[in-house]
PDB file of N, CA and C in Angstrom:
ATOM      1  N   MET A   1     -92.775  -4.833 -41.338  1.00  0.00           N
ATOM      2  CA  MET A   1     -92.764  -3.518 -40.780  1.00  0.00           C
ATOM      3  C   MET A   1     -94.142  -2.911 -40.985  1.00  0.00           C
ATOM      4  N   ASN A   2     -94.681  -2.333 -39.967  1.00  0.00           N
ATOM      5  CA  ASN A   2     -95.978  -1.666 -40.042  1.00  0.00           C
ATOM      6  C   ASN A   2     -95.790  -0.214 -40.448  1.00  0.00           C
ATOM      7  N   ILE A   3     -96.474   0.182 -41.508  1.00  0.00           N
ATOM      8  CA  ILE A   3     -96.391   1.561 -41.972  1.00  0.00           C
ATOM      9  C   ILE A   3     -97.783   2.033 -42.345  1.00  0.00           C
ATOM     10  N   ASP A   4     -97.929   3.360 -42.461  1.00  0.00           N
ATOM     11  CA  ASP A   4     -99.186   3.873 -42.969  1.00  0.00           C
ATOM     12  C   ASP A   4     -99.142   3.780 -44.494  1.00  0.00           C
ATOM     13  N   GLN A   5    -100.108   4.350 -45.179  1.00  0.00           N
ATOM     14  CA  GLN A   5    -100.169   4.172 -46.625  1.00  0.00           C
ATOM     15  C   GLN A   5     -99.402   5.251 -47.374  1.00  0.00           C
ATOM     16  N   SER A   6     -98.288   5.663 -46.823  1.00  0.00           N
ATOM     17  CA  SER A   6     -97.433   6.640 -47.480  1.00  0.00           C
ATOM     18  C   SER A   6     -96.693   5.969 -48.628  1.00  0.00           C
ATOM     19  N   GLY A   7     -96.805   6.539 -49.810  1.00  0.00           N
ATOM     20  CA  GLY A   7     -96.146   5.967 -50.977  1.00  0.00           C
ATOM     21  C   GLY A   7     -94.636   6.022 -50.884  1.00  0.00           C
ATOM     22  N   ALA A   8     -94.101   7.104 -50.318  1.00  0.00           N
ATOM     23  CA  ALA A   8     -92.653   7.265 -50.210  1.00  0.00           C
ATOM     24  C   ALA A   8     -92.048   6.199 -49.290  1.00  0.00           C
ATOM     25  N   THR A   9     -92.724   5.881 -48.206  1.00  0.00           N
ATOM     26  CA  THR A   9     -92.219   4.872 -47.275  1.00  0.00           C
ATOM     27  C   THR A   9     -92.189   3.507 -47.939  1.00  0.00           C
ATOM     28  N   THR A  10     -93.239   3.179 -48.684  1.00  0.00           N
ATOM     29  CA  THR A  10     -93.309   1.895 -49.380  1.00  0.00           C
ATOM     30  C   THR A  10     -92.177   1.775 -50.395  1.00  0.00           C
ATOM     31  N   VAL A  11     -91.981   2.810 -51.182  1.00  0.00           N
ATOM     32  CA  VAL A  11     -90.918   2.798 -52.184  1.00  0.00           C
ATOM     33  C   VAL A  11     -89.552   2.672 -51.516  1.00  0.00           C
ATOM     34  N   GLY A  12     -89.353   3.391 -50.412  1.00  0.00           N
ATOM     35  CA  GLY A  12     -88.088   3.329 -49.691  1.00  0.00           C
ATOM     36  C   GLY A  12     -87.781   1.944 -49.154  1.00  0.00           C
ATOM     37  N   LEU A  13     -88.779   1.282 -48.577  1.00  0.00           N
ATOM     38  CA  LEU A  13     -88.563  -0.065 -48.045  1.00  0.00           C
ATOM     39  C   LEU A  13     -88.306  -1.076 -49.160  1.00  0.00           C
ATOM     40  N   LYS A  14     -89.000  -0.925 -50.273  1.00  0.00           N
ATOM     41  CA  LYS A  14     -88.743  -1.820 -51.410  1.00  0.00           C
ATOM     42  C   LYS A  14     -87.329  -1.630 -51.942  1.00  0.00           C
ATOM     43  N   GLN A  15     -86.860  -0.385 -51.949  1.00  0.00           N
ATOM     44  CA  GLN A  15     -85.488  -0.097 -52.388  1.00  0.00           C
ATOM     45  C   GLN A  15     -84.477  -0.732 -51.434  1.00  0.00           C
ATOM     46  N   VAL A  16     -84.727  -0.656 -50.130  1.00  0.00           N
ATOM     47  CA  VAL A  16     -83.840  -1.285 -49.139  1.00  0.00           C
ATOM     48  C   VAL A  16     -83.810  -2.787 -49.350  1.00  0.00           C
ATOM     49  N   ASN A  17     -84.970  -3.384 -49.613  1.00  0.00           N
ATOM     50  CA  ASN A  17     -85.018  -4.828 -49.870  1.00  0.00           C
ATOM     51  C   ASN A  17     -84.171  -5.194 -51.086  1.00  0.00           C
ATOM     52  N   ARG A  18     -84.277  -4.405 -52.156  1.00  0.00           N
ATOM     53  CA  ARG A  18     -83.504  -4.690 -53.373  1.00  0.00           C
ATOM     54  C   ARG A  18     -82.011  -4.487 -53.149  1.00  0.00           C
ATOM     55  N   ASP A  19     -81.638  -3.380 -52.518  1.00  0.00           N
ATOM     56  CA  ASP A  19     -80.222  -3.054 -52.353  1.00  0.00           C
ATOM     57  C   ASP A  19     -79.503  -4.013 -51.414  1.00  0.00           C
ATOM     58  N   ASN A  20     -80.143  -4.397 -50.335  1.00  0.00           N
ATOM     59  CA  ASN A  20     -79.502  -5.223 -49.311  1.00  0.00           C
ATOM     60  C   ASN A  20     -79.870  -6.687 -49.400  1.00  0.00           C
ATOM     61  N   ASN A  21     -80.656  -7.051 -50.405  1.00  0.00           N
ATOM     62  CA  ASN A  21     -81.099  -8.428 -50.585  1.00  0.00           C
ATOM     63  C   ASN A  21     -81.765  -8.962 -49.311  1.00  0.00           C
ATOM     64  N   THR A  22     -82.652  -8.145 -48.736  1.00  0.00           N
ATOM     65  CA  THR A  22     -83.387  -8.525 -47.533  1.00  0.00           C
ATOM     66  C   THR A  22     -84.848  -8.751 -47.879  1.00  0.00           C
ATOM     67  N   ARG A  23     -85.590  -9.242 -46.932  1.00  0.00           N
ATOM     68  CA  ARG A  23     -87.020  -9.486 -47.137  1.00  0.00           C
ATOM     69  C   ARG A  23     -87.816  -8.858 -46.009  1.00  0.00           C
ATOM     70  N   ILE A  24     -87.855  -7.555 -45.973  1.00  0.00           N
ATOM     71  CA  ILE A  24     -88.661  -6.851 -44.985  1.00  0.00           C
ATOM     72  C   ILE A  24     -90.106  -6.925 -45.455  1.00  0.00           C
ATOM     73  N   LYS A  25     -90.958  -7.517 -44.641  1.00  0.00           N
ATOM     74  CA  LYS A  25     -92.370  -7.630 -44.993  1.00  0.00           C
ATOM     75  C   LYS A  25     -93.063  -6.316 -44.629  1.00  0.00           C
ATOM     76  N   ILE A  26     -93.802  -5.778 -45.566  1.00  0.00           N
ATOM     77  CA  ILE A  26     -94.470  -4.487 -45.375  1.00  0.00           C
ATOM     78  C   ILE A  26     -95.947  -4.741 -45.098  1.00  0.00           C
ATOM     79  N   ARG A  27     -96.447  -4.187 -43.988  1.00  0.00           N
ATOM     80  CA  ARG A  27     -97.870  -4.272 -43.662  1.00  0.00           C
ATOM     81  C   ARG A  27     -98.402  -2.858 -43.546  1.00  0.00           C
ATOM     82  N   GLN A  28     -99.363  -2.526 -44.389  1.00  0.00           N
ATOM     83  CA  GLN A  28     -99.893  -1.173 -44.400  1.00  0.00           C
ATOM     84  C   GLN A  28    -101.223  -1.102 -43.665  1.00  0.00           C
ATOM     85  N   CYS A  29    -101.373  -0.046 -42.900  1.00  0.00           N
ATOM     86  CA  CYS A  29    -102.613   0.240 -42.189  1.00  0.00           C
ATOM     87  C   CYS A  29    -102.928   1.705 -42.430  1.00  0.00           C
ATOM     88  N   LYS A  30    -104.079   1.986 -43.008  1.00  0.00           N
ATOM     89  CA  LYS A  30    -104.401   3.333 -43.433  1.00  0.00           C
ATOM     90  C   LYS A  30    -104.298   4.349 -42.300  1.00  0.00           C
ATOM     91  N   TYR A  31    -104.741   3.982 -41.122  1.00  0.00           N
ATOM     92  CA  TYR A  31    -104.788   4.934 -40.019  1.00  0.00           C
ATOM     93  C   TYR A  31    -103.806   4.565 -38.905  1.00  0.00           C
ATOM     94  N   LEU A  32    -102.678   3.962 -39.260  1.00  0.00           N
ATOM     95  CA  LEU A  32    -101.723   3.502 -38.257  1.00  0.00           C
ATOM     96  C   LEU A  32    -101.211   4.644 -37.386  1.00  0.00           C
ATOM     97  N   ASN A  33    -100.904   5.777 -37.994  1.00  0.00           N
ATOM     98  CA  ASN A  33    -100.405   6.905 -37.202  1.00  0.00           C
ATOM     99  C   ASN A  33    -101.423   7.367 -36.169  1.00  0.00           C
ATOM    100  N   TYR A  34    -102.693   7.352 -36.525  1.00  0.00           N
ATOM    101  CA  TYR A  34    -103.735   7.759 -35.583  1.00  0.00           C
ATOM    102  C   TYR A  34    -103.834   6.782 -34.421  1.00  0.00           C
ATOM    103  N   ILE A  35    -103.707   5.484 -34.725  1.00  0.00           N
ATOM    104  CA  ILE A  35    -103.780   4.464 -33.680  1.00  0.00           C
ATOM    105  C   ILE A  35    -102.630   4.653 -32.691  1.00  0.00           C
ATOM    106  N   ILE A  36    -101.424   4.869 -33.214  1.00  0.00           N
ATOM    107  CA  ILE A  36    -100.255   5.045 -32.351  1.00  0.00           C
ATOM    108  C   ILE A  36    -100.378   6.320 -31.527  1.00  0.00           C
ATOM    109  N   GLU A  37    -100.800   7.397 -32.160  1.00  0.00           N
ATOM    110  CA  GLU A  37    -100.953   8.660 -31.446  1.00  0.00           C
ATOM    111  C   GLU A  37    -102.000   8.561 -30.341  1.00  0.00           C
ATOM    112  N   GLN A  38    -103.090   7.861 -30.615  1.00  0.00           N
ATOM    113  CA  GLN A  38    -104.136   7.707 -29.604  1.00  0.00           C
ATOM    114  C   GLN A  38    -103.614   6.914 -28.417  1.00  0.00           C
ATOM    115  N   ASP A  39    -102.816   5.892 -28.682  1.00  0.00           N
ATOM    116  CA  ASP A  39    -102.275   5.063 -27.616  1.00  0.00           C
ATOM    117  C   ASP A  39    -101.281   5.842 -26.762  1.00  0.00           C
ATOM    118  N   HIS A  40    -100.554   6.789 -27.357  1.00  0.00           N
ATOM    119  CA  HIS A  40     -99.554   7.542 -26.615  1.00  0.00           C
ATOM    120  C   HIS A  40    -100.063   8.866 -26.076  1.00  0.00           C
ATOM    121  N   ARG A  41    -101.337   9.121 -26.232  1.00  0.00           N
ATOM    122  CA  ARG A  41    -101.917  10.370 -25.730  1.00  0.00           C
ATOM    123  C   ARG A  41    -101.750  10.485 -24.216  1.00  0.00           C
ATOM    124  N   ARG A  42    -101.950   9.389 -23.502  1.00  0.00           N
ATOM    125  CA  ARG A  42    -101.834   9.411 -22.042  1.00  0.00           C
ATOM    126  C   ARG A  42    -100.393   9.662 -21.613  1.00  0.00           C
ATOM    127  N   ILE A  43     -99.424   9.178 -22.377  1.00  0.00           N
ATOM    128  CA  ILE A  43     -98.020   9.418 -22.048  1.00  0.00           C
ATOM    129  C   ILE A  43     -97.700  10.897 -22.197  1.00  0.00           C
ATOM    130  N   LYS A  44     -98.199  11.496 -23.261  1.00  0.00           N
ATOM    131  CA  LYS A  44     -97.972  12.927 -23.460  1.00  0.00           C
ATOM    132  C   LYS A  44     -98.584  13.736 -22.329  1.00  0.00           C
ATOM    133  N   ARG A  45     -99.764  13.318 -21.864  1.00  0.00           N
ATOM    134  CA  ARG A  45    -100.443  14.038 -20.790  1.00  0.00           C
ATOM    135  C   ARG A  45     -99.636  13.957 -19.494  1.00  0.00           C
ATOM    136  N   VAL A  46     -99.076  12.782 -19.198  1.00  0.00           N
ATOM    137  CA  VAL A  46     -98.314  12.599 -17.965  1.00  0.00           C
ATOM    138  C   VAL A  46     -96.976  13.322 -18.035  1.00  0.00           C
ATOM    139  N   THR A  47     -96.271  13.189 -19.156  1.00  0.00           N
ATOM    140  CA  THR A  47     -94.936  13.773 -19.249  1.00  0.00           C
ATOM    141  C   THR A  47     -94.961  15.288 -19.395  1.00  0.00           C
ATOM    142  N   ARG A  48     -96.048  15.847 -19.875  1.00  0.00           N
ATOM    143  CA  ARG A  48     -96.141  17.306 -19.995  1.00  0.00           C
ATOM    144  C   ARG A  48     -96.015  17.964 -18.620  1.00  0.00           C
ATOM    145  N   LEU A  49     -96.561  17.311 -17.603  1.00  0.00           N
ATOM    146  CA  LEU A  49     -96.492  17.855 -16.248  1.00  0.00           C
ATOM    147  C   LEU A  49     -95.081  17.794 -15.671  1.00  0.00           C
ATOM    148  N   MET A  50     -94.250  16.892 -16.208  1.00  0.00           N
ATOM    149  CA  MET A  50     -92.895  16.723 -15.687  1.00  0.00           C
ATOM    150  C   MET A  50     -91.934  17.788 -16.212  1.00  0.00           C
ATOM    151  N   LEU A  51     -92.319  18.500 -17.253  1.00  0.00           N
ATOM    152  CA  LEU A  51     -91.505  19.565 -17.844  1.00  0.00           C
ATOM    153  C   LEU A  51     -90.140  19.073 -18.316  1.00  0.00           C
ATOM    154  N   GLY A  52     -90.098  17.890 -18.880  1.00  0.00           N
ATOM    155  CA  GLY A  52     -88.852  17.375 -19.460  1.00  0.00           C
ATOM    156  C   GLY A  52     -88.105  16.452 -18.515  1.00  0.00           C
ATOM    157  N   PHE A  53     -87.055  15.872 -19.042  1.00  0.00           N
ATOM    158  CA  PHE A  53     -86.233  14.930 -18.284  1.00  0.00           C
ATOM    159  C   PHE A  53     -84.808  15.446 -18.226  1.00  0.00           C
ATOM    160  N   GLU A  54     -84.078  15.054 -17.186  1.00  0.00           N
ATOM    161  CA  GLU A  54     -82.687  15.480 -17.037  1.00  0.00           C
ATOM    162  C   GLU A  54     -81.773  14.805 -18.055  1.00  0.00           C
ATOM    163  N   ASN A  55     -81.978  13.499 -18.282  1.00  0.00           N
ATOM    164  CA  ASN A  55     -81.130  12.793 -19.239  1.00  0.00           C
ATOM    165  C   ASN A  55     -81.912  11.657 -19.899  1.00  0.00           C
ATOM    166  N   PHE A  56     -81.290  11.015 -20.857  1.00  0.00           N
ATOM    167  CA  PHE A  56     -81.954   9.968 -21.622  1.00  0.00           C
ATOM    168  C   PHE A  56     -82.322   8.776 -20.748  1.00  0.00           C
ATOM    169  N   TYR A  57     -81.442   8.382 -19.832  1.00  0.00           N
ATOM    170  CA  TYR A  57     -81.678   7.237 -18.963  1.00  0.00           C
ATOM    171  C   TYR A  57     -82.943   7.439 -18.128  1.00  0.00           C
ATOM    172  N   THR A  58     -83.101   8.628 -17.577  1.00  0.00           N
ATOM    173  CA  THR A  58     -84.285   8.938 -16.775  1.00  0.00           C
ATOM    174  C   THR A  58     -85.547   8.862 -17.626  1.00  0.00           C
ATOM    175  N   ALA A  59     -85.498   9.416 -18.817  1.00  0.00           N
ATOM    176  CA  ALA A  59     -86.655   9.387 -19.713  1.00  0.00           C
ATOM    177  C   ALA A  59     -87.009   7.957 -20.078  1.00  0.00           C
ATOM    178  N   GLN A  60     -86.012   7.148 -20.383  1.00  0.00           N
ATOM    179  CA  GLN A  60     -86.241   5.761 -20.772  1.00  0.00           C
ATOM    180  C   GLN A  60     -86.921   4.981 -19.658  1.00  0.00           C
ATOM    181  N   ARG A  61     -86.424   5.112 -18.444  1.00  0.00           N
ATOM    182  CA  ARG A  61     -86.996   4.383 -17.305  1.00  0.00           C
ATOM    183  C   ARG A  61     -88.412   4.856 -16.980  1.00  0.00           C
ATOM    184  N   THR A  62     -88.635   6.140 -17.018  1.00  0.00           N
ATOM    185  CA  THR A  62     -89.949   6.693 -16.696  1.00  0.00           C
ATOM    186  C   THR A  62     -90.990   6.260 -17.720  1.00  0.00           C
ATOM    187  N   LEU A  63     -90.649   6.368 -18.991  1.00  0.00           N
ATOM    188  CA  LEU A  63     -91.592   5.985 -20.042  1.00  0.00           C
ATOM    189  C   LEU A  63     -91.869   4.486 -20.025  1.00  0.00           C
ATOM    190  N   ALA A  64     -90.863   3.680 -19.712  1.00  0.00           N
ATOM    191  CA  ALA A  64     -91.074   2.235 -19.602  1.00  0.00           C
ATOM    192  C   ALA A  64     -92.058   1.919 -18.477  1.00  0.00           C
ATOM    193  N   GLY A  65     -91.934   2.613 -17.355  1.00  0.00           N
ATOM    194  CA  GLY A  65     -92.862   2.403 -16.238  1.00  0.00           C
ATOM    195  C   GLY A  65     -94.281   2.802 -16.586  1.00  0.00           C
ATOM    196  N   ILE A  66     -94.428   3.919 -17.294  1.00  0.00           N
ATOM    197  CA  ILE A  66     -95.760   4.365 -17.707  1.00  0.00           C
ATOM    198  C   ILE A  66     -96.385   3.339 -18.649  1.00  0.00           C
ATOM    199  N   GLU A  67     -95.585   2.787 -19.568  1.00  0.00           N
ATOM    200  CA  GLU A  67     -96.081   1.776 -20.512  1.00  0.00           C
ATOM    201  C   GLU A  67     -96.501   0.504 -19.789  1.00  0.00           C
ATOM    202  N   VAL A  68     -95.719   0.079 -18.799  1.00  0.00           N
ATOM    203  CA  VAL A  68     -96.053  -1.143 -18.052  1.00  0.00           C
ATOM    204  C   VAL A  68     -97.375  -0.969 -17.316  1.00  0.00           C
ATOM    205  N   ILE A  69     -97.557   0.166 -16.693  1.00  0.00           N
ATOM    206  CA  ILE A  69     -98.808   0.413 -15.979  1.00  0.00           C
ATOM    207  C   ILE A  69     -99.988   0.403 -16.950  1.00  0.00           C
ATOM    208  N   ALA A  70     -99.807   0.983 -18.129  1.00  0.00           N
ATOM    209  CA  ALA A  70    -100.879   0.989 -19.126  1.00  0.00           C
ATOM    210  C   ALA A  70    -101.202  -0.429 -19.599  1.00  0.00           C
ATOM    211  N   ILE A  71    -100.174  -1.247 -19.784  1.00  0.00           N
ATOM    212  CA  ILE A  71    -100.385  -2.634 -20.216  1.00  0.00           C
ATOM    213  C   ILE A  71    -101.156  -3.409 -19.163  1.00  0.00           C
ATOM    214  N   ILE A  72    -100.805  -3.202 -17.900  1.00  0.00           N
ATOM    215  CA  ILE A  72    -101.512  -3.896 -16.823  1.00  0.00           C
ATOM    216  C   ILE A  72    -102.967  -3.438 -16.770  1.00  0.00           C
ATOM    217  N   LYS A  73    -103.204  -2.133 -16.875  1.00  0.00           N
ATOM    218  CA  LYS A  73    -104.580  -1.612 -16.822  1.00  0.00           C
ATOM    219  C   LYS A  73    -105.434  -2.145 -17.958  1.00  0.00           C
ATOM    220  N   LYS A  74    -104.835  -2.297 -19.147  1.00  0.00           N
ATOM    221  CA  LYS A  74    -105.582  -2.798 -20.297  1.00  0.00           C
ATOM    222  C   LYS A  74    -105.809  -4.298 -20.234  1.00  0.00           C
ATOM    223  N   GLY A  75    -105.131  -4.967 -19.295  1.00  0.00           N
ATOM    224  CA  GLY A  75    -105.286  -6.417 -19.178  1.00  0.00           C
ATOM    225  C   GLY A  75    -104.473  -7.174 -20.210  1.00  0.00           C
ATOM    226  N   GLN A  76    -103.408  -6.570 -20.727  1.00  0.00           N
ATOM    227  CA  GLN A  76    -102.594  -7.195 -21.753  1.00  0.00           C
ATOM    228  C   GLN A  76    -101.407  -7.964 -21.194  1.00  0.00           C
ATOM    229  N   MET A  77    -101.206  -7.890 -19.886  1.00  0.00           N
ATOM    230  CA  MET A  77    -100.085  -8.599 -19.290  1.00  0.00           C
ATOM    231  C   MET A  77    -100.461 -10.057 -19.078  1.00  0.00           C
ATOM    232  N   LYS A  78     -99.598 -10.949 -19.531  1.00  0.00           N
ATOM    233  CA  LYS A  78     -99.880 -12.373 -19.403  1.00  0.00           C
ATOM    234  C   LYS A  78     -99.428 -12.865 -18.036  1.00  0.00           C
ATOM    235  N   THR A  79    -100.307 -13.593 -17.375  1.00  0.00           N
ATOM    236  CA  THR A  79     -99.977 -14.180 -16.080  1.00  0.00           C
ATOM    237  C   THR A  79    -100.199 -15.681 -16.177  1.00  0.00           C
ATOM    238  N   ARG A  80     -99.734 -16.387 -15.163  1.00  0.00           N
ATOM    239  CA  ARG A  80     -99.931 -17.838 -15.146  1.00  0.00           C
ATOM    240  C   ARG A  80    -101.402 -18.166 -15.000  1.00  0.00           C
ATOM    241  N   ARG A  81    -101.781 -19.274 -15.587  1.00  0.00           N
ATOM    242  CA  ARG A  81    -103.185 -19.697 -15.505  1.00  0.00           C
ATOM    243  C   ARG A  81    -103.587 -19.952 -14.061  1.00  0.00           C
ATOM    244  N   GLY A  82    -104.788 -19.569 -13.744  1.00  0.00           N
ATOM    245  CA  GLY A  82    -105.326 -19.820 -12.413  1.00  0.00           C
ATOM    246  C   GLY A  82    -104.944 -18.776 -11.380  1.00  0.00           C
ATOM    247  N   THR A  83    -104.165 -17.782 -11.780  1.00  0.00           N
ATOM    248  CA  THR A  83    -103.786 -16.739 -10.825  1.00  0.00           C
ATOM    249  C   THR A  83    -104.458 -15.442 -11.233  1.00  0.00           C
ATOM    250  N   ASP A  84    -105.438 -15.045 -10.484  1.00  0.00           N
ATOM    251  CA  ASP A  84    -106.094 -13.766 -10.713  1.00  0.00           C
ATOM    252  C   ASP A  84    -105.492 -12.752  -9.758  1.00  0.00           C
ATOM    253  N   GLN A  85    -104.607 -11.935 -10.290  1.00  0.00           N
ATOM    254  CA  GLN A  85    -103.932 -10.943  -9.468  1.00  0.00           C
ATOM    255  C   GLN A  85    -104.556  -9.578  -9.708  1.00  0.00           C
ATOM    256  N   SER A  86    -104.596  -8.796  -8.647  1.00  0.00           N
ATOM    257  CA  SER A  86    -105.081  -7.431  -8.784  1.00  0.00           C
ATOM    258  C   SER A  86    -104.022  -6.582  -9.490  1.00  0.00           C
ATOM    259  N   PHE A  87    -104.404  -5.379  -9.836  1.00  0.00           N
ATOM    260  CA  PHE A  87    -103.482  -4.449 -10.490  1.00  0.00           C
ATOM    261  C   PHE A  87    -102.226  -4.251  -9.651  1.00  0.00           C
ATOM    262  N   ALA A  88    -102.397  -4.007  -8.365  1.00  0.00           N
ATOM    263  CA  ALA A  88    -101.266  -3.767  -7.474  1.00  0.00           C
ATOM    264  C   ALA A  88    -100.380  -5.008  -7.355  1.00  0.00           C
ATOM    265  N   GLU A  89    -100.987  -6.184  -7.268  1.00  0.00           N
ATOM    266  CA  GLU A  89    -100.220  -7.428  -7.157  1.00  0.00           C
ATOM    267  C   GLU A  89     -99.372  -7.663  -8.399  1.00  0.00           C
ATOM    268  N   GLN A  90     -99.937  -7.381  -9.584  1.00  0.00           N
ATOM    269  CA  GLN A  90     -99.176  -7.525 -10.813  1.00  0.00           C
ATOM    270  C   GLN A  90     -98.011  -6.545 -10.859  1.00  0.00           C
ATOM    271  N   PHE A  91     -98.277  -5.313 -10.430  1.00  0.00           N
ATOM    272  CA  PHE A  91     -97.225  -4.297 -10.439  1.00  0.00           C
ATOM    273  C   PHE A  91     -96.078  -4.671  -9.508  1.00  0.00           C
ATOM    274  N   TYR A  92     -96.406  -5.118  -8.287  1.00  0.00           N
ATOM    275  CA  TYR A  92     -95.362  -5.474  -7.329  1.00  0.00           C
ATOM    276  C   TYR A  92     -94.647  -6.765  -7.732  1.00  0.00           C
ATOM    277  N   ALA A  93     -95.319  -7.649  -8.461  1.00  0.00           N
ATOM    278  CA  ALA A  93     -94.673  -8.861  -8.953  1.00  0.00           C
ATOM    279  C   ALA A  93     -93.572  -8.535  -9.951  1.00  0.00           C
ATOM    280  N   LEU A  94     -93.733  -7.459 -10.694  1.00  0.00           N
ATOM    281  CA  LEU A  94     -92.701  -7.036 -11.637  1.00  0.00           C
ATOM    282  C   LEU A  94     -91.446  -6.563 -10.924  1.00  0.00           C
ATOM    283  N   ALA A  95     -91.621  -5.946  -9.765  1.00  0.00           N
ATOM    284  CA  ALA A  95     -90.477  -5.416  -9.021  1.00  0.00           C
ATOM    285  C   ALA A  95     -89.704  -6.518  -8.307  1.00  0.00           C
ATOM    286  N   ALA A  96     -90.348  -7.627  -8.061  1.00  0.00           N
ATOM    287  CA  ALA A  96     -89.701  -8.731  -7.324  1.00  0.00           C
ATOM    288  C   ALA A  96     -88.708  -9.486  -8.163  1.00  0.00           C
TER     289      ALA A  96
END
């Protein structure tokens, strides 16, 4: 589990491991919250204009679409070797 360097979170996860006899691996990153917030800044900017969602299903689908577009723009989507697809081609391939 990725967490920031909060002492309370570390102690809590260690307690869960002891109580439930599990092995949750803890990975700490000092500025993890900042990294996550920076990545979701664009989502906040887009959704602020929408003035909220009618229901959970709508929010889930909309946010998933925004994330997919961001992944494609960053070049993080894996495609088959030898196929150089444009942004639009990758997006429409997902719908097919």
